[in-house]
Each structure stands twice: as structure tokens, then as C-alpha cells.
Amino acid sequence: MNFEDNTEEAAFRTEARAWIQANAPHELRTGLQAAIAQTTSSVHPPEIDGYDPLKISKAWQARKSEAGWACLHWPTQFGGRDATPIQRVIWQQEEGIYSQLSNLFVVGHGMAGPTLITHGTAAQKERHLNPIVSGQDVWCQLFSEPSGGSDLAGLRSRAQRSGDEWIINGQKIWTTHGQFADWGIMLVRTDPSVVKHEGLTMFIVDMKAAGVEARPIKQMTGEMHFCEVFFTDVRVPDSNRIGAIGGGWRVSLTTLMNERLQLAAAIPTGVPEFFDLCCELETSTGLPIDDPAVRAQLATWIARQRGLQWAMMRTISALSGGRPPGPENSIGKLVAGEIAQELCAFALDIQGPAGAILDEKGTGRSFQKMLLTSPAIRVGGGTAEIQKNILAEQVLGLPADIRADKGMPFNKIPTGRS
């Protein structure tokens, strides 16, 4: 396999490198390095002393958009560049640390945007896609609910028709960027009298509308990456409906497949930082890298991470050929989450008592914070058990799990309530 750029790839890399060198906010580089070391999230805007995270993120996105370097994989008609898979990889390599400034737009670029491109009306595309590309609007995804667990189709937020509007009531949880968002894509129940998958509809919701309240959730690391969002008699015009009434489940599958692709690519496994730790940490027995057992474990994680990278390349190749993301993306989400949790626990063992000390100075990756966050990584975007079911049923063709509610109208499903 040849890893060298061909003539066209080399020209693209030269163009991208020159533009980044001339336009990147180099004054933020040191702050970005410190922010990356101290965050457990790859989708949260970087916190840099003296700078507004929203302002610097939007400024970089707008600059990229103006020059044609934003959402490279989108069609040119919607503000993208119709970039090939290898061009996307080259851009990611060259953008490097500055890609952290695009974290704020991960839902818009990777989930809401592709959903609108596939299922949105012409008016919806015209209204929303350009502000997504340029960073003018921030989006969130309103799917999970407190009572739904891993069963997305079991959601209870409801929308009732009122003329040309819908009135929405309910609650969503674990909403990334909910506190920053201008818009959200929301899956709600519009007909409880049919089976649960058929009574759902997708809407575009104005997050600044009356009746919408986003409450950030403080995690045990002290960070606040997501929210619970309450909806009280929120009025949404029917023109904001995505797809047919009752067709929300089909629309949501497009969002979910893109979400798993996005999350698998974004989950920080900690492998490069762990390699540095093994080469630099002085212990009573010497450097960890000199221990054969540590080297064997490190080699295993490096091999798994490399496998993830090539699996992602296969998916990107499928996208470039016009095929939507498939269930195989559950592999990336599942494996990356497992690596992060296993690796961080091992890193703390190597560090001994020092592993419990939180590094607040930005001198290195905090494996403690990563370990505390890793269970959430394995839950977000579908639990590990859900990912295994998807792979078993949709990739391997194994029999589906038995469902007691199959064919039952949603309002007839027992809830345990008196």
C-alpha cells in the first residue's frame, strides 16, 4: 500500500497548508493545546483564558466558509466542496489542532445538515444549510428522553396539530450544545394510537422560541457538555416538519447513521497521550515503555485504533460514492468507547496515587477526567448493547431480539404506572 500523495493529492495538500498557514488563528495555538489536554469532550468548544469560545469558533468557521474550506464533504450546491475521501483526510491532517474550533458545529455539520440534505424541503435547505456551513447557526439534536432509556422509539414528547402549527410538550436529555443552540432537530410523537415506530415525526425547532428551556447538566468532572431541555406549549410551524407526518423514524435513521459516523471519528481514545506517558513517566521500576507487559498492551490499543482509522476510511469511501452511512459505523462507536475506558483505567494504574491528582495546569492529558467521562462515551449515541444489536442484526444477519411490544399501539404498551 502506498501512503505517499499522488500528484493531485500533493497539490491539494499544498493548497490547504498554505491557506491554513496564512489564515489560522496562530495566537490561539498554545491555548488550544492546553484546552485539549484538560477536556474530556471532542465536541465541546475549547475553553481558552481570555477568549469567548463561541466567538472564536464562529470566527474560524466563517473564515473557512468564505474560502471554501468548510463542510468539504457536502455537495457544492449546499456550500461544500464535493471533496474526495482522501482530500478530507488531508484537510484534517493539515488543519490539525485548529479543528477543535469546529467542535461547536459537530451536530450541524455531521447530523442536522446531512438530514436536511436528504429529507428537507427546498425551502428548508435554502433557509438553514448556508448558516450551518458558515457557522452562523449552532444546532443540537433532541432525541433522548429520561423515560426512554435506549429505546428511542419509546419517546413520549408529543406534538399536537393546531392549524398550520404544532404544539410541542415534553422533555429531552443529554442534548449536546443545547445551551448554545439556535436550532434543533427534534423527534416527537404525533400519533400514540399506532405502533411506536410509526407514530413519530421530525421537526426543526427554534431553540430561542417561547417555552423552550435548556438547563446545562454538570458532570462529575465539573464540565457541562450537555443539557436537559424542557418544552412547554412550544409552537412550531408545519413548514418546519422534516419528512411526512408519521415518517420521523425513517428520517431519524439518517441522523443516527451520520451520528455514529461522527461520534466514532471524534471519540478521543487517548492512545497517543498514553504512548507519551509510557515514554516519559518515571516510576520506581523505570519507564513503563520498558516493561514488556505494558508494551504488549500498548501495541494492542495502537492496533485497534489503527483498525478504526481504516474502518472510517472505508465509510468515507462509501460516502464519496453516494452511499449513505451504514450500520457498520456502530463498530467505530463501540470500539473507540471501549478503548478509552480500558486505556484510562490502565493509565491510572501505572501512575499509582499520582493518577488521582487532577492536572489543572494543562501540562498533559488528564486520564482521571477521561476515565470519569468514559461511561458516558459508551452510552451517548446509543449504548454499547445497542451497537452490538445493530451489528448482530443488520450486519451479521442474526435473529432479532424478542419484542413484547411488537405490533402493539404505543398507547397500549404497559408503562408500570398505576
Protein backbone atom coordinates (compact mmCIF):
# COMPACT_ATOMS: atom_id res chain seq x y z
CA MET A 1 0.00 0.00 0.00
CA ASN A 2 1.37 3.40 -0.99
CA PHE A 3 0.92 6.11 1.62
CA GLU A 4 2.52 8.87 -0.45
CA ASP A 5 0.41 11.61 -2.02
CA ASN A 6 -0.11 11.37 -5.75
CA THR A 7 0.25 14.50 -7.88
CA GLU A 8 -3.32 15.72 -7.33
CA GLU A 9 -3.24 14.96 -3.61
CA ALA A 10 0.07 16.72 -3.18
CA ALA A 11 -1.32 19.79 -4.92
CA PHE A 12 -4.39 19.76 -2.67
CA ARG A 13 -2.21 19.40 0.44
CA THR A 14 -0.02 22.31 -0.65
CA GLU A 15 -3.08 24.47 -1.22
CA ALA A 16 -4.63 23.54 2.14
CA ARG A 17 -1.35 24.01 4.04
CA ALA A 18 -0.73 27.41 2.50
CA TRP A 19 -4.23 28.62 3.31
CA ILE A 20 -4.07 27.41 6.93
CA GLN A 21 -0.65 28.95 7.40
CA ALA A 22 -1.94 32.29 6.13
CA ASN A 23 -5.33 32.27 7.86
CA ALA A 24 -5.30 30.13 11.01
CA PRO A 25 -5.54 31.97 14.38
CA HIS A 26 -2.00 31.07 15.41
CA GLU A 27 -2.33 33.18 18.56
CA LEU A 28 -4.70 30.51 19.90
CA ARG A 29 -2.38 27.55 19.37
CA THR A 30 -0.93 27.37 22.88
CA GLY A 31 -4.35 27.86 24.43
CA LEU A 32 -5.85 25.15 22.23
CA GLN A 33 -3.15 22.70 23.29
CA ALA A 34 -3.92 23.37 26.94
CA ALA A 35 -7.67 23.15 26.36
CA ILE A 36 -7.38 19.80 24.60
CA ALA A 37 -5.33 18.41 27.48
CA GLN A 38 -7.95 19.40 30.01
CA THR A 39 -11.21 18.44 28.33
CA THR A 40 -12.84 15.04 28.07
CA SER A 41 -15.03 16.02 25.13
CA SER A 42 -14.18 16.22 21.46
CA VAL A 43 -17.43 18.04 20.67
CA HIS A 44 -17.26 20.89 23.18
CA PRO A 45 -15.92 24.34 22.19
CA PRO A 46 -12.41 24.83 23.62
CA GLU A 47 -12.10 26.93 26.78
CA ILE A 48 -9.18 29.37 26.44
CA ASP A 49 -8.46 32.04 29.03
CA GLY A 50 -9.33 35.49 27.75
CA TYR A 51 -11.39 34.30 24.78
CA ASP A 52 -15.09 33.71 24.21
CA PRO A 53 -15.33 30.09 22.95
CA LEU A 54 -18.38 30.83 20.80
CA LYS A 55 -16.81 33.90 19.24
CA ILE A 56 -13.51 32.28 18.27
CA SER A 57 -15.26 29.15 17.00
CA LYS A 58 -17.68 31.10 14.81
CA ALA A 59 -14.89 33.33 13.51
CA TRP A 60 -12.81 30.35 12.33
CA GLN A 61 -15.81 28.63 10.78
CA ALA A 62 -16.83 31.78 8.91
CA ARG A 63 -13.28 32.22 7.63
CA LYS A 64 -13.20 28.65 6.33
CA SER A 65 -16.63 29.00 4.75
CA GLU A 66 -15.72 32.17 2.88
CA ALA A 67 -12.70 30.46 1.37
CA GLY A 68 -14.48 27.19 0.53
CA TRP A 69 -12.88 25.04 3.23
CA ALA A 70 -15.99 24.28 5.31
CA CYS A 71 -18.02 21.03 5.15
CA LEU A 72 -15.76 19.69 2.42
CA HIS A 73 -17.84 16.51 2.04
CA TRP A 74 -21.09 18.38 1.34
CA PRO A 75 -22.20 18.94 -2.27
CA THR A 76 -21.04 22.23 -3.74
CA GLN A 77 -24.65 23.32 -4.26
CA PHE A 78 -25.09 23.37 -0.48
CA GLY A 79 -21.85 25.15 0.37
CA GLY A 80 -19.47 22.19 0.42
CA ARG A 81 -16.70 21.17 -1.93
CA ASP A 82 -17.61 17.64 -3.08
CA ALA A 83 -14.26 16.60 -1.64
CA THR A 84 -12.98 13.07 -2.09
CA PRO A 85 -12.33 10.91 1.00
CA ILE A 86 -8.59 11.39 0.75
CA GLN A 87 -9.00 15.16 0.41
CA ARG A 88 -10.98 15.17 3.65
CA VAL A 89 -8.21 13.22 5.36
CA ILE A 90 -5.56 15.59 4.02
CA TRP A 91 -7.55 18.60 5.23
CA GLN A 92 -7.94 17.08 8.70
CA GLN A 93 -4.22 16.42 8.84
CA GLU A 94 -3.33 19.94 7.82
CA GLU A 95 -5.95 21.71 9.96
CA GLY A 96 -4.64 19.83 12.96
CA ILE A 97 -5.20 21.49 16.31
CA TYR A 98 -7.41 24.22 14.81
CA SER A 99 -10.08 21.62 14.06
CA GLN A 100 -11.02 21.93 17.76
CA LEU A 101 -12.58 25.27 16.85
CA SER A 102 -15.19 23.37 14.81
CA ASN A 103 -16.43 21.29 17.76
CA LEU A 104 -19.35 23.65 18.29
CA PHE A 105 -20.74 22.72 14.86
CA VAL A 106 -20.43 18.95 15.04
CA VAL A 107 -24.21 18.40 15.19
CA GLY A 108 -24.97 20.85 12.39
CA HIS A 109 -22.23 19.62 10.07
CA GLY A 110 -22.42 15.91 10.80
CA MET A 111 -26.07 15.22 11.72
CA ALA A 112 -28.61 18.00 11.13
CA GLY A 113 -27.11 19.14 7.83
CA PRO A 114 -26.97 15.68 6.21
CA THR A 115 -30.52 15.01 7.43
CA LEU A 116 -31.80 18.20 5.80
CA ILE A 117 -29.89 17.46 2.60
CA THR A 118 -31.54 14.04 2.40
CA HIS A 119 -35.06 14.76 3.66
CA GLY A 120 -35.53 18.54 3.85
CA THR A 121 -37.70 20.64 1.58
CA ALA A 122 -36.18 23.13 -0.85
CA ALA A 123 -37.22 25.98 1.46
CA GLN A 124 -35.63 24.30 4.48
CA LYS A 125 -32.37 23.75 2.63
CA GLU A 126 -32.29 27.34 1.41
CA ARG A 127 -33.03 28.71 4.89
CA HIS A 128 -30.72 26.56 7.00
CA LEU A 129 -27.83 24.95 5.13
CA ASN A 130 -25.75 28.04 4.41
CA PRO A 131 -25.91 29.29 8.05
CA ILE A 132 -24.81 25.81 9.15
CA VAL A 133 -21.80 25.82 6.83
CA SER A 134 -20.76 29.35 7.74
CA GLY A 135 -21.08 28.84 11.48
CA GLN A 136 -23.79 31.45 11.82
CA ASP A 137 -26.16 28.93 13.45
CA VAL A 138 -25.44 26.27 16.07
CA TRP A 139 -27.59 23.12 16.08
CA CYS A 140 -28.47 20.44 18.59
CA GLN A 141 -30.16 17.04 18.35
CA LEU A 142 -33.25 16.45 20.50
CA PHE A 143 -33.71 12.69 20.67
CA SER A 144 -33.02 11.09 24.08
CA GLU A 145 -35.56 11.28 26.90
CA PRO A 146 -35.39 10.50 30.64
CA SER A 147 -38.02 7.74 30.46
CA GLY A 148 -36.91 6.26 27.15
CA GLY A 149 -33.57 4.71 28.03
CA SER A 150 -32.01 3.20 24.93
CA ASP A 151 -35.36 2.78 23.20
CA LEU A 152 -35.55 5.90 21.03
CA ALA A 153 -38.89 4.81 19.55
CA GLY A 154 -40.31 4.77 23.08
CA LEU A 155 -40.12 8.56 23.42
CA ARG A 156 -43.06 10.42 24.98
CA SER A 157 -42.58 14.07 23.95
CA ARG A 158 -45.64 14.89 21.92
CA ALA A 159 -46.77 17.27 19.20
CA GLN A 160 -50.42 18.09 18.54
CA ARG A 161 -51.64 19.72 15.35
CA SER A 162 -53.21 23.17 15.66
CA GLY A 163 -53.99 24.58 12.21
CA ASP A 164 -50.72 25.29 10.43
CA GLU A 165 -48.77 24.79 13.64
CA TRP A 166 -47.82 22.02 16.03
CA ILE A 167 -47.78 22.44 19.81
CA ILE A 168 -44.91 20.52 21.44
CA ASN A 169 -44.66 19.43 25.09
CA GLY A 170 -42.10 17.17 26.71
CA GLN A 171 -38.51 16.82 27.83
CA LYS A 172 -35.24 15.81 26.19
CA ILE A 173 -31.95 14.99 27.90
CA TRP A 174 -28.22 14.62 27.13
CA THR A 175 -28.57 17.33 24.49
CA THR A 176 -25.10 18.33 23.32
CA HIS A 177 -24.78 22.10 22.74
CA GLY A 178 -28.34 22.67 23.91
CA GLN A 179 -27.24 25.74 25.86
CA PHE A 180 -25.64 27.26 22.74
CA ALA A 181 -28.00 26.10 20.02
CA ASP A 182 -30.05 28.30 17.72
CA TRP A 183 -31.92 25.36 16.19
CA GLY A 184 -32.57 21.72 16.93
CA ILE A 185 -33.83 18.67 15.08
CA MET A 186 -36.45 17.04 17.29
CA LEU A 187 -38.18 13.67 17.12
CA VAL A 188 -41.62 13.67 18.78
CA ARG A 189 -44.73 11.51 18.94
CA THR A 190 -47.62 12.74 16.81
CA ASP A 191 -49.84 9.65 16.95
CA PRO A 192 -49.87 7.41 20.05
CA SER A 193 -52.57 5.13 18.61
CA VAL A 194 -50.25 3.32 16.18
CA VAL A 195 -47.18 1.14 16.76
CA LYS A 196 -44.38 3.15 18.30
CA HIS A 197 -42.12 3.43 15.24
CA GLU A 198 -44.95 4.70 13.02
CA GLY A 199 -46.23 7.48 15.28
CA LEU A 200 -43.13 9.69 15.18
CA THR A 201 -42.43 12.89 13.25
CA MET A 202 -39.29 15.03 12.93
CA PHE A 203 -39.30 18.82 13.29
CA ILE A 204 -36.91 21.77 13.15
CA VAL A 205 -37.30 23.64 16.44
CA ASP A 206 -36.23 27.20 17.21
CA MET A 207 -34.26 26.86 20.46
CA LYS A 208 -34.94 30.52 21.27
CA ALA A 209 -38.73 30.13 20.99
CA ALA A 210 -41.07 30.75 23.90
CA GLY A 211 -41.49 27.64 26.03
CA VAL A 212 -38.01 26.20 25.36
CA GLU A 213 -35.74 25.93 28.41
CA ALA A 214 -32.25 24.41 28.27
CA ARG A 215 -30.61 23.51 31.59
CA PRO A 216 -26.91 22.51 31.44
CA ILE A 217 -26.05 19.32 33.34
CA LYS A 218 -22.91 19.44 35.49
CA GLN A 219 -20.88 16.27 35.18
CA MET A 220 -18.71 14.77 37.89
CA THR A 221 -15.65 16.14 36.08
CA GLY A 222 -17.02 19.67 36.64
CA GLU A 223 -17.69 20.16 32.93
CA MET A 224 -21.06 20.91 31.36
CA HIS A 225 -21.14 19.44 27.86
CA PHE A 226 -24.86 18.80 27.51
CA CYS A 227 -28.31 19.77 28.77
CA GLU A 228 -31.79 18.68 29.63
CA VAL A 229 -34.32 20.65 27.60
CA PHE A 230 -37.94 21.30 28.53
CA PHE A 231 -40.71 22.14 26.05
CA THR A 232 -43.90 23.78 27.27
CA ASP A 233 -46.53 24.57 24.63
CA VAL A 234 -43.83 25.35 22.06
CA ARG A 235 -45.38 26.36 18.73
CA VAL A 236 -43.67 25.05 15.61
CA PRO A 237 -44.93 25.82 12.08
CA ASP A 238 -45.76 22.83 9.89
CA SER A 239 -43.21 24.21 7.40
CA ASN A 240 -40.57 23.09 9.92
CA ARG A 241 -41.62 19.46 9.62
CA ILE A 242 -38.93 17.21 8.09
CA GLY A 243 -40.49 14.43 6.05
CA ALA A 244 -44.00 13.06 6.27
CA ILE A 245 -46.24 13.02 9.32
CA GLY A 246 -45.53 9.66 10.94
CA GLY A 247 -42.33 9.30 8.90
CA GLY A 248 -39.99 10.51 11.61
CA TRP A 249 -38.41 7.13 12.28
CA ARG A 250 -37.15 6.88 8.69
CA VAL A 251 -35.76 10.42 8.89
CA SER A 252 -34.14 9.69 12.26
CA LEU A 253 -32.25 6.70 10.83
CA THR A 254 -30.39 9.07 8.52
CA THR A 255 -29.50 11.23 11.53
CA LEU A 256 -28.45 8.25 13.64
CA MET A 257 -26.22 6.71 10.98
CA ASN A 258 -24.48 10.03 10.49
CA GLU A 259 -24.24 10.48 14.27
CA ARG A 260 -22.44 7.18 14.72
CA LEU A 261 -20.07 8.09 11.92
CA GLN A 262 -19.42 11.49 13.51
CA LEU A 263 -19.00 10.15 17.06
CA ALA A 264 -16.72 7.29 16.05
CA ALA A 265 -14.43 9.77 14.33
CA ALA A 266 -14.50 12.21 17.26
CA ILE A 267 -14.11 9.98 20.35
CA PRO A 268 -10.67 10.62 21.93
CA THR A 269 -9.22 7.19 22.73
CA GLY A 270 -6.18 8.64 24.49
CA VAL A 271 -3.76 6.30 22.69
CA PRO A 272 -1.21 8.98 21.60
CA GLU A 273 -1.23 10.54 25.08
CA PHE A 274 -0.81 7.13 26.70
CA PHE A 275 2.19 6.41 24.48
CA ASP A 276 3.77 9.68 25.63
CA LEU A 277 3.03 8.78 29.26
CA CYS A 278 4.75 5.42 28.88
CA CYS A 279 7.83 7.09 27.40
CA GLU A 280 8.08 9.90 29.96
CA LEU A 281 6.75 8.73 33.35
CA GLU A 282 9.48 7.85 35.84
CA THR A 283 8.39 5.04 38.16
CA SER A 284 10.24 3.05 40.82
CA THR A 285 10.96 0.38 38.20
CA GLY A 286 11.86 2.71 35.35
CA LEU A 287 9.90 3.84 32.31
CA PRO A 288 6.62 1.97 31.63
CA ILE A 289 7.62 1.57 27.99
CA ASP A 290 10.47 -0.72 29.11
CA ASP A 291 8.01 -3.16 30.70
CA PRO A 292 7.11 -5.95 28.20
CA ALA A 293 3.58 -6.23 29.62
CA VAL A 294 2.95 -2.51 29.12
CA ARG A 295 4.36 -2.64 25.59
CA ALA A 296 2.10 -5.57 24.71
CA GLN A 297 -0.98 -3.74 25.97
CA LEU A 298 0.06 -0.54 24.21
CA ALA A 299 0.57 -2.42 20.95
CA THR A 300 -2.93 -3.90 21.24
CA TRP A 301 -4.54 -0.48 21.62
CA ILE A 302 -2.48 1.03 18.81
CA ALA A 303 -3.53 -1.82 16.50
CA ARG A 304 -7.20 -1.38 17.43
CA GLN A 305 -7.03 2.35 16.89
CA ARG A 306 -5.36 1.87 13.51
CA GLY A 307 -8.11 -0.56 12.58
CA LEU A 308 -10.67 2.10 13.49
CA GLN A 309 -8.92 4.60 11.25
CA TRP A 310 -9.09 2.28 8.25
CA ALA A 311 -12.71 1.36 9.00
CA MET A 312 -13.52 5.08 8.96
CA MET A 313 -11.75 5.43 5.61
CA ARG A 314 -13.94 2.66 4.21
CA THR A 315 -17.03 4.54 5.35
CA ILE A 316 -15.77 7.80 3.86
CA SER A 317 -15.17 5.98 0.57
CA ALA A 318 -18.78 4.76 0.63
CA LEU A 319 -20.00 8.30 1.22
CA SER A 320 -17.97 9.59 -1.71
CA GLY A 321 -19.67 7.00 -3.90
CA GLY A 322 -23.08 8.37 -2.99
CA ARG A 323 -23.98 5.66 -0.48
CA PRO A 324 -25.33 6.65 2.95
CA PRO A 325 -23.52 5.65 6.17
CA GLY A 326 -24.44 2.10 7.10
CA PRO A 327 -24.74 0.08 10.30
CA GLU A 328 -21.02 -0.72 10.14
CA ASN A 329 -20.41 2.65 11.78
CA SER A 330 -21.50 1.04 15.05
CA ILE A 331 -18.12 -0.70 15.04
CA GLY A 332 -16.28 2.59 15.44
CA LYS A 333 -18.56 3.90 18.18
CA LEU A 334 -18.36 0.61 20.09
CA VAL A 335 -14.61 0.01 19.84
CA ALA A 336 -13.50 3.61 20.43
CA GLY A 337 -15.53 3.82 23.63
CA GLU A 338 -14.12 0.54 24.90
CA ILE A 339 -10.54 1.60 24.18
CA ALA A 340 -10.97 4.90 26.03
CA GLN A 341 -12.33 3.23 29.16
CA GLU A 342 -9.80 0.40 29.26
CA LEU A 343 -6.82 2.61 28.47
CA CYS A 344 -7.62 5.27 31.07
CA ALA A 345 -8.02 2.70 33.84
CA PHE A 346 -4.66 1.18 32.87
CA ALA A 347 -3.02 4.63 32.78
CA LEU A 348 -4.17 5.37 36.34
CA ASP A 349 -2.77 2.02 37.48
CA ILE A 350 0.61 2.94 36.01
CA GLN A 351 0.56 6.38 37.61
CA GLY A 352 -0.31 4.98 41.03
CA PRO A 353 -1.52 7.52 43.64
CA ALA A 354 -0.49 10.38 41.33
CA GLY A 355 -3.21 9.31 38.92
CA ALA A 356 -5.85 10.66 41.28
CA ILE A 357 -4.40 14.18 41.05
CA LEU A 358 -6.20 16.38 38.58
CA ASP A 359 -3.80 18.34 36.39
CA GLU A 360 -5.33 21.82 36.19
CA LYS A 361 -2.29 23.44 34.54
CA GLY A 362 -2.74 21.91 31.13
CA THR A 363 0.59 20.09 31.21
CA GLY A 364 -0.82 16.81 29.92
CA ARG A 365 -3.91 14.73 29.23
CA SER A 366 -5.92 14.06 32.39
CA PHE A 367 -6.59 10.33 32.30
CA GLN A 368 -8.59 10.75 35.51
CA LYS A 369 -11.12 13.01 33.79
CA MET A 370 -11.21 10.78 30.73
CA LEU A 371 -11.97 7.75 32.90
CA LEU A 372 -14.79 9.56 34.69
CA THR A 373 -16.28 10.50 31.33
CA SER A 374 -15.75 7.19 29.54
CA PRO A 375 -19.01 5.57 30.74
CA ALA A 376 -20.91 8.48 29.18
CA ILE A 377 -18.99 7.98 25.93
CA ARG A 378 -20.20 4.38 25.80
CA VAL A 379 -23.79 5.48 26.38
CA GLY A 380 -24.02 8.57 24.16
CA GLY A 381 -25.22 7.98 20.60
CA GLY A 382 -26.56 4.55 21.55
CA THR A 383 -25.27 2.24 24.29
CA ALA A 384 -22.68 -0.47 23.67
CA GLU A 385 -25.50 -3.03 23.86
CA ILE A 386 -27.47 -1.18 21.18
CA GLN A 387 -24.40 -1.06 18.91
CA LYS A 388 -23.89 -4.81 19.33
CA ASN A 389 -27.54 -5.47 18.47
CA ILE A 390 -27.23 -3.33 15.34
CA LEU A 391 -24.13 -5.20 14.22
CA ALA A 392 -25.67 -8.60 15.03
CA GLU A 393 -28.97 -7.98 13.27
CA GLN A 394 -28.09 -5.64 10.39
CA VAL A 395 -24.52 -6.72 9.56
CA LEU A 396 -24.33 -10.39 10.60
CA GLY A 397 -28.00 -11.17 9.92
CA LEU A 398 -28.62 -12.82 13.29
CA PRO A 399 -32.18 -13.16 14.66
CA ALA A 400 -33.59 -10.01 16.23
CA ASP A 401 -34.27 -9.71 19.94
CA ILE A 402 -37.74 -10.73 21.07
CA ARG A 403 -40.00 -7.67 21.47
CA ALA A 404 -43.09 -7.99 23.62
CA ASP A 405 -44.50 -4.73 22.23
CA LYS A 406 -44.17 -5.67 18.57
CA GLY A 407 -47.31 -4.68 16.66
CA MET A 408 -48.87 -3.07 19.74
CA PRO A 409 -50.19 0.53 19.60
CA PHE A 410 -47.97 2.80 21.64
CA ASN A 411 -50.76 3.89 23.99
CA LYS A 412 -51.48 0.25 24.82
CA ILE A 413 -47.93 -0.59 25.92
CA PRO A 414 -47.78 -1.13 29.71
CA THR A 415 -45.69 1.52 31.45
CA GLY A 416 -45.69 0.34 35.05
CA ARG A 417 -47.69 3.39 36.05
CA SER A 418 -50.83 2.92 38.14
